[in-house]
């Protein structure tokens, strides 16, 4: 994360800066960005964890299996601190994918992007290439998928009069021409959880 601050000063005159500008400069800023030409044309399995702030948890799990009785499993448990006080949360939180990022990219891309405090993000992919054929995921198996979950979080303290700014975005210029599987978690704030899970099981032969 890079923060650039420019101040223009005219000789003989004091700099004129609005009070709101001073507040913004002195505030707690959490800004995570993937932009410009990042990952343009990239191919294959790509896992990205990007966080700005405090006590954020992120994981990307890919499990692949091939064989006569193959089975792919991913288990994740995330434990973190709860942020219950306003002072521990950023005044401005932004998570953005912009520019030409991922233009023409392809494959399996898992992205966790967080700005703030005490957030949890998880992407899981399991793929099985087995000779026993295609299997249907039953209710019991789906219930066990909780093992691969970002987990619960106690809600952060929020005030309706709080002037804090929260912003997430994927700009329209990003991801043009992307082909494949894209998992994306974007968070701006505190005490949030998000997760994506993709399960594939296919037969090896005709």
N, C-alpha and C. Protein backbone atom coordinates (compact mmCIF):
# COMPACT_ATOMS: atom_id res chain seq x y z
N UNK A 1 0.85 -1.18 0.00
CA UNK A 1 0.00 0.00 0.00
C UNK A 1 0.89 1.23 0.00
N UNK A 2 0.64 2.17 -0.90
CA UNK A 2 1.42 3.39 -0.99
C UNK A 2 0.50 4.58 -0.78
N UNK A 3 0.96 5.52 0.04
CA UNK A 3 0.17 6.71 0.32
C UNK A 3 1.02 7.91 -0.05
N UNK A 4 0.58 8.69 -1.02
CA UNK A 4 1.32 9.86 -1.47
C UNK A 4 0.59 11.11 -1.02
N UNK A 5 1.34 12.04 -0.43
CA UNK A 5 0.75 13.27 0.07
C UNK A 5 1.52 14.44 -0.53
N UNK A 6 0.82 15.35 -1.23
CA UNK A 6 1.46 16.50 -1.86
C UNK A 6 0.87 17.78 -1.27
N UNK A 7 1.75 18.69 -0.85
CA UNK A 7 1.32 19.98 -0.30
C UNK A 7 1.96 21.08 -1.14
N UNK A 8 1.13 22.01 -1.65
CA UNK A 8 1.66 23.14 -2.40
C UNK A 8 1.77 24.36 -1.50
N UNK A 9 2.95 25.00 -1.49
CA UNK A 9 3.17 26.16 -0.62
C UNK A 9 3.65 27.33 -1.48
N UNK A 10 3.01 28.45 -1.35
CA UNK A 10 3.40 29.67 -2.06
C UNK A 10 4.25 30.52 -1.13
N UNK A 11 5.42 30.95 -1.58
CA UNK A 11 6.33 31.72 -0.74
C UNK A 11 5.65 32.98 -0.24
N UNK A 12 5.80 33.24 1.06
CA UNK A 12 5.25 34.44 1.66
C UNK A 12 3.82 34.30 2.12
N UNK A 13 3.14 33.19 1.74
CA UNK A 13 1.75 32.99 2.13
C UNK A 13 1.61 31.64 2.83
N UNK A 14 0.84 31.57 3.91
CA UNK A 14 0.63 30.29 4.57
C UNK A 14 -0.23 29.38 3.71
N UNK A 15 0.03 28.07 3.74
CA UNK A 15 -0.80 27.15 2.96
C UNK A 15 -2.24 27.16 3.46
N UNK A 16 -3.16 27.14 2.52
CA UNK A 16 -4.58 27.15 2.87
C UNK A 16 -5.12 25.74 2.68
N UNK A 17 -5.49 25.10 3.77
CA UNK A 17 -6.02 23.75 3.73
C UNK A 17 -7.29 23.70 4.55
N UNK A 18 -8.34 23.20 3.97
CA UNK A 18 -9.62 23.13 4.67
C UNK A 18 -9.53 22.20 5.86
N UNK A 19 -10.38 22.45 6.85
CA UNK A 19 -10.38 21.61 8.05
C UNK A 19 -10.69 20.17 7.71
N UNK A 20 -11.60 19.95 6.74
CA UNK A 20 -11.93 18.59 6.35
C UNK A 20 -10.74 17.87 5.75
N UNK A 21 -9.87 18.61 5.03
CA UNK A 21 -8.68 18.00 4.45
C UNK A 21 -7.71 17.56 5.54
N UNK A 22 -7.56 18.39 6.57
CA UNK A 22 -6.70 18.01 7.69
C UNK A 22 -7.23 16.76 8.37
N UNK A 23 -8.54 16.71 8.54
CA UNK A 23 -9.15 15.54 9.18
C UNK A 23 -8.87 14.28 8.38
N UNK A 24 -8.97 14.39 7.05
CA UNK A 24 -8.72 13.23 6.20
C UNK A 24 -7.27 12.79 6.28
N UNK A 25 -6.34 13.77 6.32
CA UNK A 25 -4.92 13.44 6.37
C UNK A 25 -4.54 12.77 7.68
N UNK A 26 -5.18 13.20 8.75
CA UNK A 26 -4.85 12.66 10.07
C UNK A 26 -5.65 11.42 10.42
N UNK A 27 -6.62 11.08 9.60
CA UNK A 27 -7.49 9.94 9.89
C UNK A 27 -6.80 8.62 9.62
N UNK A 28 -7.46 7.57 10.02
CA UNK A 28 -7.00 6.19 9.85
C UNK A 28 -7.50 5.70 8.49
N UNK A 29 -6.58 5.57 7.53
CA UNK A 29 -6.93 5.19 6.16
C UNK A 29 -6.48 3.76 5.89
N UNK A 30 -7.40 2.94 5.39
CA UNK A 30 -7.07 1.58 4.95
C UNK A 30 -7.48 1.47 3.48
N UNK A 31 -6.50 1.32 2.61
CA UNK A 31 -6.75 1.36 1.17
C UNK A 31 -6.01 0.22 0.49
N UNK A 32 -6.74 -0.73 -0.08
CA UNK A 32 -6.12 -1.83 -0.82
C UNK A 32 -6.57 -1.76 -2.27
N UNK A 33 -5.60 -1.87 -3.19
CA UNK A 33 -5.90 -1.71 -4.61
C UNK A 33 -5.12 -2.71 -5.45
N UNK A 34 -5.78 -3.21 -6.49
CA UNK A 34 -5.12 -3.93 -7.57
C UNK A 34 -5.46 -3.15 -8.83
N UNK A 35 -4.47 -2.56 -9.48
CA UNK A 35 -4.79 -1.62 -10.55
C UNK A 35 -3.71 -1.59 -11.63
N UNK A 36 -3.81 -0.59 -12.49
CA UNK A 36 -2.92 -0.41 -13.63
C UNK A 36 -2.94 -1.68 -14.49
N UNK A 37 -1.78 -2.28 -14.76
CA UNK A 37 -1.71 -3.47 -15.61
C UNK A 37 -1.37 -4.73 -14.81
N UNK A 38 -1.77 -4.75 -13.59
CA UNK A 38 -1.48 -5.91 -12.74
C UNK A 38 -2.15 -7.17 -13.30
N UNK A 39 -1.37 -8.23 -13.46
CA UNK A 39 -1.84 -9.55 -13.89
C UNK A 39 -2.44 -9.55 -15.30
N UNK A 40 -2.09 -8.58 -16.12
CA UNK A 40 -2.57 -8.58 -17.50
C UNK A 40 -2.04 -9.82 -18.22
N UNK A 41 -2.94 -10.61 -18.81
CA UNK A 41 -2.54 -11.78 -19.56
C UNK A 41 -2.06 -12.95 -18.72
N UNK A 42 -2.15 -12.86 -17.41
CA UNK A 42 -1.68 -13.95 -16.54
C UNK A 42 -2.55 -15.19 -16.73
N UNK A 43 -1.92 -16.37 -16.69
CA UNK A 43 -2.63 -17.62 -16.89
C UNK A 43 -2.24 -18.62 -15.81
N UNK A 44 -3.20 -19.48 -15.43
CA UNK A 44 -2.90 -20.54 -14.47
C UNK A 44 -3.65 -20.37 -13.17
N UNK A 45 -3.09 -20.93 -12.11
CA UNK A 45 -3.70 -20.83 -10.77
C UNK A 45 -3.08 -19.63 -10.05
N UNK A 46 -3.90 -18.66 -9.72
CA UNK A 46 -3.43 -17.43 -9.08
C UNK A 46 -4.20 -17.22 -7.79
N UNK A 47 -3.49 -17.04 -6.70
CA UNK A 47 -4.12 -16.80 -5.39
C UNK A 47 -3.57 -15.50 -4.82
N UNK A 48 -4.45 -14.58 -4.47
CA UNK A 48 -4.05 -13.26 -4.00
C UNK A 48 -4.72 -12.95 -2.67
N UNK A 49 -3.92 -12.57 -1.68
CA UNK A 49 -4.42 -12.04 -0.42
C UNK A 49 -3.87 -10.63 -0.26
N UNK A 50 -4.75 -9.65 -0.17
CA UNK A 50 -4.34 -8.26 -0.03
C UNK A 50 -5.16 -7.61 1.07
N UNK A 51 -4.49 -7.08 2.08
CA UNK A 51 -5.20 -6.49 3.22
C UNK A 51 -4.56 -5.18 3.64
N UNK A 52 -5.40 -4.23 4.03
CA UNK A 52 -4.95 -2.98 4.62
C UNK A 52 -5.75 -2.77 5.89
N UNK A 53 -5.07 -2.62 7.01
CA UNK A 53 -5.76 -2.47 8.28
C UNK A 53 -5.17 -3.37 9.34
N UNK A 54 -6.01 -3.83 10.26
CA UNK A 54 -5.54 -4.63 11.38
C UNK A 54 -6.39 -5.88 11.57
N UNK A 55 -5.71 -6.97 11.94
CA UNK A 55 -6.38 -8.22 12.37
C UNK A 55 -7.29 -8.81 11.29
N UNK A 56 -6.91 -8.66 10.03
CA UNK A 56 -7.68 -9.29 8.95
C UNK A 56 -7.14 -10.70 8.68
N UNK A 57 -8.05 -11.63 8.40
CA UNK A 57 -7.68 -13.01 8.12
C UNK A 57 -8.08 -13.36 6.69
N UNK A 58 -7.16 -14.00 5.95
CA UNK A 58 -7.42 -14.35 4.56
C UNK A 58 -6.78 -15.69 4.23
N UNK A 59 -7.47 -16.48 3.41
CA UNK A 59 -6.91 -17.76 2.98
C UNK A 59 -7.48 -18.15 1.63
N UNK A 60 -6.63 -18.71 0.78
CA UNK A 60 -7.03 -19.31 -0.49
C UNK A 60 -6.57 -20.76 -0.47
N UNK A 61 -7.51 -21.70 -0.58
CA UNK A 61 -7.19 -23.13 -0.53
C UNK A 61 -7.62 -23.80 -1.82
N UNK A 62 -6.69 -24.46 -2.49
CA UNK A 62 -6.97 -25.23 -3.70
C UNK A 62 -6.53 -26.67 -3.45
N UNK A 63 -7.45 -27.60 -3.60
CA UNK A 63 -7.15 -29.02 -3.38
C UNK A 63 -7.55 -29.81 -4.62
N UNK A 64 -6.59 -30.50 -5.24
CA UNK A 64 -6.82 -31.27 -6.45
C UNK A 64 -6.41 -32.72 -6.22
N UNK A 65 -7.21 -33.66 -6.73
CA UNK A 65 -6.91 -35.08 -6.56
C UNK A 65 -7.26 -35.84 -7.82
N UNK A 66 -6.43 -36.86 -8.15
CA UNK A 66 -6.68 -37.71 -9.31
C UNK A 66 -6.31 -39.15 -8.96
N UNK A 67 -7.16 -40.11 -9.33
CA UNK A 67 -6.84 -41.50 -9.07
C UNK A 67 -8.08 -42.37 -9.08
N UNK A 68 -7.85 -43.67 -8.80
CA UNK A 68 -8.94 -44.64 -8.82
C UNK A 68 -10.01 -44.30 -7.81
N UNK A 69 -9.60 -43.96 -6.59
CA UNK A 69 -10.54 -43.58 -5.52
C UNK A 69 -10.17 -42.21 -4.97
N UNK A 70 -9.96 -41.29 -5.85
CA UNK A 70 -9.47 -39.97 -5.44
C UNK A 70 -10.52 -39.18 -4.68
N UNK A 71 -10.07 -38.36 -3.78
CA UNK A 71 -10.95 -37.48 -3.02
C UNK A 71 -10.17 -36.23 -2.62
N UNK A 72 -10.73 -35.08 -2.90
CA UNK A 72 -10.08 -33.81 -2.57
C UNK A 72 -10.87 -33.12 -1.46
N UNK A 73 -10.16 -32.68 -0.44
CA UNK A 73 -10.80 -32.04 0.72
C UNK A 73 -10.01 -30.81 1.13
N UNK A 74 -10.71 -29.80 1.58
CA UNK A 74 -10.08 -28.60 2.13
C UNK A 74 -10.77 -28.24 3.43
N UNK A 75 -9.98 -28.04 4.48
CA UNK A 75 -10.53 -27.70 5.79
C UNK A 75 -9.88 -26.40 6.27
N UNK A 76 -10.69 -25.45 6.67
CA UNK A 76 -10.17 -24.17 7.14
C UNK A 76 -10.98 -23.66 8.31
N UNK A 77 -10.28 -23.20 9.32
CA UNK A 77 -10.92 -22.51 10.45
C UNK A 77 -10.12 -21.24 10.72
N UNK A 78 -10.82 -20.14 10.78
CA UNK A 78 -10.16 -18.87 11.00
C UNK A 78 -10.62 -18.26 12.32
N UNK A 79 -9.65 -17.91 13.14
CA UNK A 79 -9.95 -17.32 14.44
C UNK A 79 -9.26 -15.96 14.53
N UNK A 80 -9.99 -14.96 14.96
CA UNK A 80 -9.39 -13.64 15.05
C UNK A 80 -10.01 -12.81 16.16
N UNK A 81 -9.48 -11.60 16.31
CA UNK A 81 -9.97 -10.69 17.34
C UNK A 81 -11.20 -9.95 16.85
N UNK A 82 -12.13 -9.71 17.76
CA UNK A 82 -13.30 -8.89 17.46
C UNK A 82 -12.97 -7.43 17.73
N UNK A 83 -13.34 -6.58 16.81
CA UNK A 83 -13.12 -5.14 16.97
C UNK A 83 -14.45 -4.52 17.37
N UNK A 84 -14.60 -4.20 18.62
CA UNK A 84 -15.87 -3.70 19.13
C UNK A 84 -15.85 -2.20 19.42
N UNK A 85 -14.71 -1.56 19.27
CA UNK A 85 -14.63 -0.14 19.55
C UNK A 85 -14.42 0.64 18.26
N UNK A 86 -15.04 1.79 18.16
CA UNK A 86 -14.94 2.61 16.95
C UNK A 86 -13.51 3.06 16.71
N UNK A 87 -12.74 3.31 17.77
CA UNK A 87 -11.39 3.83 17.61
C UNK A 87 -10.46 2.84 16.92
N UNK A 88 -10.81 1.56 16.94
CA UNK A 88 -9.97 0.54 16.30
C UNK A 88 -10.30 0.36 14.84
N UNK A 89 -11.31 1.04 14.34
CA UNK A 89 -11.75 0.89 12.96
C UNK A 89 -11.28 2.09 12.12
N UNK A 90 -10.98 1.86 10.84
CA UNK A 90 -10.51 2.97 10.00
C UNK A 90 -11.59 4.00 9.72
N UNK A 91 -11.17 5.25 9.55
CA UNK A 91 -12.11 6.30 9.18
C UNK A 91 -12.50 6.17 7.71
N UNK A 92 -11.57 5.73 6.90
CA UNK A 92 -11.83 5.51 5.48
C UNK A 92 -11.29 4.15 5.08
N UNK A 93 -12.13 3.31 4.49
CA UNK A 93 -11.71 1.98 4.04
C UNK A 93 -12.14 1.80 2.59
N UNK A 94 -11.16 1.43 1.74
CA UNK A 94 -11.46 1.24 0.32
C UNK A 94 -10.79 -0.04 -0.18
N UNK A 95 -11.52 -0.81 -0.96
CA UNK A 95 -10.98 -1.99 -1.63
C UNK A 95 -11.41 -1.93 -3.09
N UNK A 96 -10.44 -1.82 -3.99
CA UNK A 96 -10.76 -1.52 -5.39
C UNK A 96 -9.90 -2.35 -6.34
N UNK A 97 -10.52 -2.84 -7.41
CA UNK A 97 -9.80 -3.41 -8.55
C UNK A 97 -10.07 -2.49 -9.72
N UNK A 98 -9.02 -1.94 -10.31
CA UNK A 98 -9.20 -0.87 -11.29
C UNK A 98 -8.22 -1.00 -12.44
N UNK A 99 -8.26 -0.01 -13.33
CA UNK A 99 -7.35 0.01 -14.46
C UNK A 99 -7.58 -1.18 -15.39
N UNK A 100 -6.48 -1.72 -15.91
CA UNK A 100 -6.55 -2.88 -16.80
C UNK A 100 -6.23 -4.18 -16.06
N UNK A 101 -6.38 -4.18 -14.76
CA UNK A 101 -6.04 -5.36 -13.97
C UNK A 101 -6.76 -6.60 -14.48
N UNK A 102 -6.01 -7.69 -14.66
CA UNK A 102 -6.53 -8.99 -15.10
C UNK A 102 -7.11 -8.99 -16.51
N UNK A 103 -6.82 -7.97 -17.28
CA UNK A 103 -7.31 -7.96 -18.67
C UNK A 103 -6.68 -9.14 -19.42
N UNK A 104 -7.53 -9.94 -20.07
CA UNK A 104 -7.04 -11.08 -20.84
C UNK A 104 -6.48 -12.21 -20.01
N UNK A 105 -6.67 -12.17 -18.71
CA UNK A 105 -6.16 -13.24 -17.85
C UNK A 105 -7.10 -14.44 -17.90
N UNK A 106 -6.63 -15.58 -17.39
CA UNK A 106 -7.47 -16.76 -17.40
C UNK A 106 -6.93 -17.83 -16.47
N UNK A 107 -7.81 -18.79 -16.17
CA UNK A 107 -7.42 -19.88 -15.28
C UNK A 107 -8.27 -19.90 -14.04
N UNK A 108 -7.65 -20.26 -12.93
CA UNK A 108 -8.32 -20.27 -11.62
C UNK A 108 -7.74 -19.14 -10.79
N UNK A 109 -8.53 -18.11 -10.56
CA UNK A 109 -8.07 -16.93 -9.85
C UNK A 109 -8.90 -16.73 -8.59
N UNK A 110 -8.24 -16.72 -7.45
CA UNK A 110 -8.90 -16.51 -6.16
C UNK A 110 -8.33 -15.25 -5.52
N UNK A 111 -9.20 -14.30 -5.22
CA UNK A 111 -8.76 -13.00 -4.70
C UNK A 111 -9.48 -12.69 -3.39
N UNK A 112 -8.70 -12.37 -2.37
CA UNK A 112 -9.22 -11.80 -1.13
C UNK A 112 -8.68 -10.39 -1.01
N UNK A 113 -9.56 -9.42 -0.89
CA UNK A 113 -9.16 -8.02 -0.79
C UNK A 113 -9.93 -7.39 0.35
N UNK A 114 -9.22 -6.90 1.36
CA UNK A 114 -9.88 -6.34 2.54
C UNK A 114 -9.23 -5.04 2.96
N UNK A 115 -10.06 -4.10 3.39
CA UNK A 115 -9.60 -2.86 4.00
C UNK A 115 -10.43 -2.63 5.24
N UNK A 116 -9.77 -2.56 6.39
CA UNK A 116 -10.51 -2.38 7.63
C UNK A 116 -9.91 -3.19 8.75
N UNK A 117 -10.77 -3.71 9.61
CA UNK A 117 -10.30 -4.41 10.80
C UNK A 117 -11.14 -5.63 11.10
N UNK A 118 -10.45 -6.71 11.51
CA UNK A 118 -11.10 -7.94 11.99
C UNK A 118 -12.07 -8.55 10.98
N UNK A 119 -11.68 -8.53 9.73
CA UNK A 119 -12.47 -9.18 8.68
C UNK A 119 -11.89 -10.55 8.37
N UNK A 120 -12.72 -11.45 7.85
CA UNK A 120 -12.26 -12.79 7.48
C UNK A 120 -12.76 -13.12 6.08
N UNK A 121 -11.84 -13.59 5.23
CA UNK A 121 -12.17 -13.94 3.85
C UNK A 121 -11.57 -15.30 3.52
N UNK A 122 -12.31 -16.09 2.75
CA UNK A 122 -11.85 -17.43 2.41
C UNK A 122 -12.35 -17.83 1.03
N UNK A 123 -11.45 -18.36 0.21
CA UNK A 123 -11.79 -18.97 -1.07
C UNK A 123 -11.34 -20.42 -1.05
N UNK A 124 -12.23 -21.33 -1.44
CA UNK A 124 -11.91 -22.76 -1.44
C UNK A 124 -12.30 -23.36 -2.78
N UNK A 125 -11.41 -24.16 -3.35
CA UNK A 125 -11.71 -24.94 -4.55
C UNK A 125 -11.22 -26.36 -4.33
N UNK A 126 -12.10 -27.35 -4.52
CA UNK A 126 -11.70 -28.75 -4.52
C UNK A 126 -12.13 -29.38 -5.83
N UNK A 127 -11.21 -30.10 -6.47
CA UNK A 127 -11.50 -30.74 -7.75
C UNK A 127 -10.99 -32.17 -7.72
N UNK A 128 -11.85 -33.11 -8.10
CA UNK A 128 -11.50 -34.53 -8.09
C UNK A 128 -11.69 -35.12 -9.48
N UNK A 129 -10.65 -35.78 -9.98
CA UNK A 129 -10.72 -36.53 -11.23
C UNK A 129 -10.55 -38.00 -10.88
N UNK A 130 -11.68 -38.71 -10.83
CA UNK A 130 -11.68 -40.09 -10.32
C UNK A 130 -12.33 -41.03 -11.32
N UNK A 131 -11.99 -42.32 -11.21
CA UNK A 131 -12.53 -43.33 -12.12
C UNK A 131 -13.92 -43.81 -11.73
N UNK A 132 -14.37 -43.45 -10.52
CA UNK A 132 -15.67 -43.95 -10.08
C UNK A 132 -16.83 -43.17 -10.65
N UNK A 133 -16.55 -42.14 -11.43
CA UNK A 133 -17.62 -41.42 -12.09
C UNK A 133 -18.05 -40.17 -11.34
N UNK A 134 -19.01 -39.49 -11.92
CA UNK A 134 -19.52 -38.26 -11.33
C UNK A 134 -20.37 -38.58 -10.11
N UNK A 135 -20.12 -37.86 -9.03
CA UNK A 135 -20.87 -38.08 -7.80
C UNK A 135 -21.69 -36.85 -7.46
N UNK A 136 -22.86 -37.08 -6.92
CA UNK A 136 -23.72 -35.98 -6.50
C UNK A 136 -23.39 -35.60 -5.06
N UNK A 137 -23.31 -34.32 -4.81
CA UNK A 137 -23.04 -33.85 -3.45
C UNK A 137 -24.35 -33.83 -2.67
N UNK A 138 -24.46 -34.71 -1.68
CA UNK A 138 -25.68 -34.80 -0.89
C UNK A 138 -25.73 -33.78 0.22
N UNK A 139 -26.86 -33.76 0.93
CA UNK A 139 -27.05 -32.79 2.00
C UNK A 139 -26.01 -32.95 3.10
N UNK A 140 -25.67 -34.20 3.42
CA UNK A 140 -24.71 -34.44 4.50
C UNK A 140 -23.35 -33.85 4.13
N UNK A 141 -22.95 -34.04 2.86
CA UNK A 141 -21.66 -33.50 2.45
C UNK A 141 -21.67 -31.97 2.47
N UNK A 142 -22.76 -31.39 1.98
CA UNK A 142 -22.83 -29.94 1.96
C UNK A 142 -22.80 -29.36 3.37
N UNK A 143 -23.40 -30.07 4.31
CA UNK A 143 -23.37 -29.60 5.70
C UNK A 143 -21.94 -29.58 6.22
N UNK A 144 -21.13 -30.55 5.79
CA UNK A 144 -19.75 -30.61 6.25
C UNK A 144 -18.90 -29.50 5.64
N UNK A 145 -19.41 -28.82 4.62
CA UNK A 145 -18.66 -27.74 4.00
C UNK A 145 -18.44 -26.58 4.95
N UNK A 146 -19.14 -26.58 6.09
CA UNK A 146 -18.92 -25.56 7.10
C UNK A 146 -17.49 -25.57 7.60
N UNK A 147 -16.81 -26.72 7.43
CA UNK A 147 -15.41 -26.79 7.84
C UNK A 147 -14.56 -25.82 7.03
N UNK A 148 -15.01 -25.49 5.85
CA UNK A 148 -14.32 -24.52 5.01
C UNK A 148 -15.13 -23.24 4.98
N UNK A 149 -15.12 -22.53 6.06
CA UNK A 149 -15.92 -21.32 6.19
C UNK A 149 -15.11 -20.25 6.89
N UNK A 150 -15.38 -19.01 6.55
CA UNK A 150 -14.68 -17.91 7.20
C UNK A 150 -15.04 -17.81 8.67
N UNK A 151 -16.18 -18.39 9.06
CA UNK A 151 -16.56 -18.42 10.46
C UNK A 151 -17.30 -17.18 10.90
N UNK A 152 -18.02 -17.28 12.03
CA UNK A 152 -18.80 -16.14 12.51
C UNK A 152 -17.93 -15.06 13.13
N UNK A 153 -18.41 -13.85 13.12
CA UNK A 153 -17.74 -12.73 13.77
C UNK A 153 -18.78 -11.91 14.52
N UNK A 154 -18.42 -11.45 15.70
CA UNK A 154 -19.30 -10.56 16.43
C UNK A 154 -19.35 -9.23 15.70
N UNK A 155 -20.52 -8.60 15.59
CA UNK A 155 -20.62 -7.35 14.84
C UNK A 155 -19.82 -6.24 15.49
N UNK A 156 -19.20 -5.43 14.66
CA UNK A 156 -18.46 -4.30 15.17
C UNK A 156 -19.43 -3.20 15.60
N UNK A 157 -18.95 -2.34 16.48
CA UNK A 157 -19.78 -1.24 16.95
C UNK A 157 -20.00 -0.26 15.80
N UNK A 158 -21.25 0.08 15.53
CA UNK A 158 -21.56 1.00 14.45
C UNK A 158 -22.51 2.08 14.96
N UNK A 159 -22.30 3.27 14.46
CA UNK A 159 -23.10 4.42 14.85
C UNK A 159 -23.66 5.04 13.58
N UNK A 160 -24.98 5.25 13.53
CA UNK A 160 -25.59 5.81 12.33
C UNK A 160 -25.06 7.20 12.01
N UNK A 161 -24.57 7.91 13.02
CA UNK A 161 -24.02 9.24 12.80
C UNK A 161 -22.53 9.20 12.47
N UNK A 162 -21.94 8.02 12.42
CA UNK A 162 -20.52 7.85 12.16
C UNK A 162 -20.20 8.32 10.73
N UNK A 163 -19.24 9.25 10.56
CA UNK A 163 -18.92 9.75 9.23
C UNK A 163 -17.96 8.85 8.45
N UNK A 164 -17.65 7.68 8.95
CA UNK A 164 -16.69 6.80 8.29
C UNK A 164 -17.13 6.46 6.87
N UNK A 165 -16.15 6.31 5.99
CA UNK A 165 -16.40 6.02 4.58
C UNK A 165 -15.99 4.59 4.25
N UNK A 166 -16.88 3.85 3.58
CA UNK A 166 -16.61 2.48 3.17
C UNK A 166 -16.88 2.37 1.67
N UNK A 167 -15.93 1.78 0.93
CA UNK A 167 -16.10 1.74 -0.53
C UNK A 167 -15.43 0.50 -1.10
N UNK A 168 -16.19 -0.30 -1.86
CA UNK A 168 -15.62 -1.42 -2.61
C UNK A 168 -16.06 -1.28 -4.06
N UNK A 169 -15.18 -1.68 -4.99
CA UNK A 169 -15.53 -1.52 -6.40
C UNK A 169 -14.64 -2.38 -7.29
N UNK A 170 -15.25 -2.87 -8.36
CA UNK A 170 -14.51 -3.42 -9.50
C UNK A 170 -14.85 -2.50 -10.66
N UNK A 171 -13.90 -1.70 -11.08
CA UNK A 171 -14.18 -0.73 -12.13
C UNK A 171 -14.38 -1.42 -13.47
N UNK A 172 -15.14 -0.77 -14.34
CA UNK A 172 -15.56 -1.40 -15.59
C UNK A 172 -14.41 -1.71 -16.53
N UNK A 173 -13.26 -1.10 -16.32
CA UNK A 173 -12.12 -1.37 -17.19
C UNK A 173 -11.35 -2.62 -16.77
N UNK A 174 -11.60 -3.11 -15.57
CA UNK A 174 -10.87 -4.28 -15.07
C UNK A 174 -11.53 -5.57 -15.52
N UNK A 175 -10.72 -6.64 -15.59
CA UNK A 175 -11.21 -8.00 -15.87
C UNK A 175 -11.76 -8.19 -17.28
N UNK A 176 -11.51 -7.28 -18.19
CA UNK A 176 -11.98 -7.44 -19.56
C UNK A 176 -11.30 -8.66 -20.20
N UNK A 177 -12.10 -9.52 -20.81
CA UNK A 177 -11.55 -10.67 -21.50
C UNK A 177 -11.11 -11.80 -20.59
N UNK A 178 -11.45 -11.74 -19.32
CA UNK A 178 -11.06 -12.82 -18.40
C UNK A 178 -11.83 -14.09 -18.75
N UNK A 179 -11.14 -15.23 -18.71
CA UNK A 179 -11.77 -16.52 -18.96
C UNK A 179 -11.33 -17.52 -17.89
N UNK A 180 -12.31 -18.21 -17.33
CA UNK A 180 -11.98 -19.21 -16.32
C UNK A 180 -12.85 -19.07 -15.10
N UNK A 181 -12.31 -19.45 -13.96
CA UNK A 181 -13.01 -19.38 -12.68
C UNK A 181 -12.44 -18.23 -11.87
N UNK A 182 -13.31 -17.32 -11.44
CA UNK A 182 -12.89 -16.18 -10.64
C UNK A 182 -13.63 -16.20 -9.31
N UNK A 183 -12.88 -16.24 -8.21
CA UNK A 183 -13.44 -16.10 -6.87
C UNK A 183 -12.99 -14.75 -6.32
N UNK A 184 -13.92 -13.95 -5.86
CA UNK A 184 -13.57 -12.61 -5.38
C UNK A 184 -14.31 -12.28 -4.10
N UNK A 185 -13.55 -11.97 -3.06
CA UNK A 185 -14.09 -11.42 -1.82
C UNK A 185 -13.54 -10.01 -1.67
N UNK A 186 -14.42 -9.04 -1.52
CA UNK A 186 -14.03 -7.65 -1.29
C UNK A 186 -14.74 -7.13 -0.05
N UNK A 187 -13.98 -6.58 0.88
CA UNK A 187 -14.56 -6.05 2.12
C UNK A 187 -13.95 -4.68 2.41
N UNK A 188 -14.80 -3.75 2.82
CA UNK A 188 -14.36 -2.48 3.39
C UNK A 188 -15.18 -2.26 4.65
N UNK A 189 -14.54 -2.30 5.80
CA UNK A 189 -15.27 -2.15 7.05
C UNK A 189 -14.63 -2.95 8.16
N UNK A 190 -15.46 -3.40 9.10
CA UNK A 190 -14.94 -4.13 10.25
C UNK A 190 -15.90 -5.24 10.66
N UNK A 191 -15.32 -6.39 11.03
CA UNK A 191 -16.11 -7.49 11.55
C UNK A 191 -16.95 -8.22 10.52
N UNK A 192 -16.52 -8.22 9.26
CA UNK A 192 -17.27 -8.89 8.19
C UNK A 192 -16.65 -10.24 7.84
N UNK A 193 -17.46 -11.15 7.31
CA UNK A 193 -16.97 -12.44 6.84
C UNK A 193 -17.55 -12.73 5.46
N UNK A 194 -16.71 -13.23 4.55
CA UNK A 194 -17.16 -13.66 3.23
C UNK A 194 -16.39 -14.91 2.83
N UNK A 195 -17.04 -15.80 2.09
CA UNK A 195 -16.33 -16.97 1.58
C UNK A 195 -16.97 -17.47 0.30
N UNK A 196 -16.15 -18.09 -0.54
CA UNK A 196 -16.58 -18.73 -1.78
C UNK A 196 -16.08 -20.16 -1.78
N UNK A 197 -16.95 -21.10 -2.17
CA UNK A 197 -16.55 -22.51 -2.25
C UNK A 197 -17.00 -23.09 -3.57
N UNK A 198 -16.07 -23.74 -4.27
CA UNK A 198 -16.37 -24.41 -5.54
C UNK A 198 -15.92 -25.87 -5.43
N UNK A 199 -16.84 -26.80 -5.69
CA UNK A 199 -16.55 -28.23 -5.60
C UNK A 199 -16.83 -28.87 -6.96
N UNK A 200 -15.82 -29.57 -7.52
CA UNK A 200 -15.97 -30.24 -8.81
C UNK A 200 -15.52 -31.69 -8.67
N UNK A 201 -16.33 -32.61 -9.19
CA UNK A 201 -15.95 -34.02 -9.22
C UNK A 201 -16.37 -34.59 -10.57
N UNK A 202 -15.39 -35.09 -11.34
CA UNK A 202 -15.67 -35.57 -12.69
C UNK A 202 -15.07 -36.96 -12.90
N UNK A 203 -15.60 -37.66 -13.90
CA UNK A 203 -15.11 -38.99 -14.24
C UNK A 203 -13.88 -38.88 -15.13
N UNK A 204 -12.91 -39.75 -14.88
CA UNK A 204 -11.65 -39.69 -15.62
C UNK A 204 -11.80 -40.17 -17.06
N UNK A 205 -12.63 -41.18 -17.29
CA UNK A 205 -12.76 -41.75 -18.62
C UNK A 205 -14.14 -41.57 -19.19
N UNK A 206 -14.37 -42.10 -20.41
CA UNK A 206 -15.69 -41.96 -21.04
C UNK A 206 -16.74 -42.79 -20.33
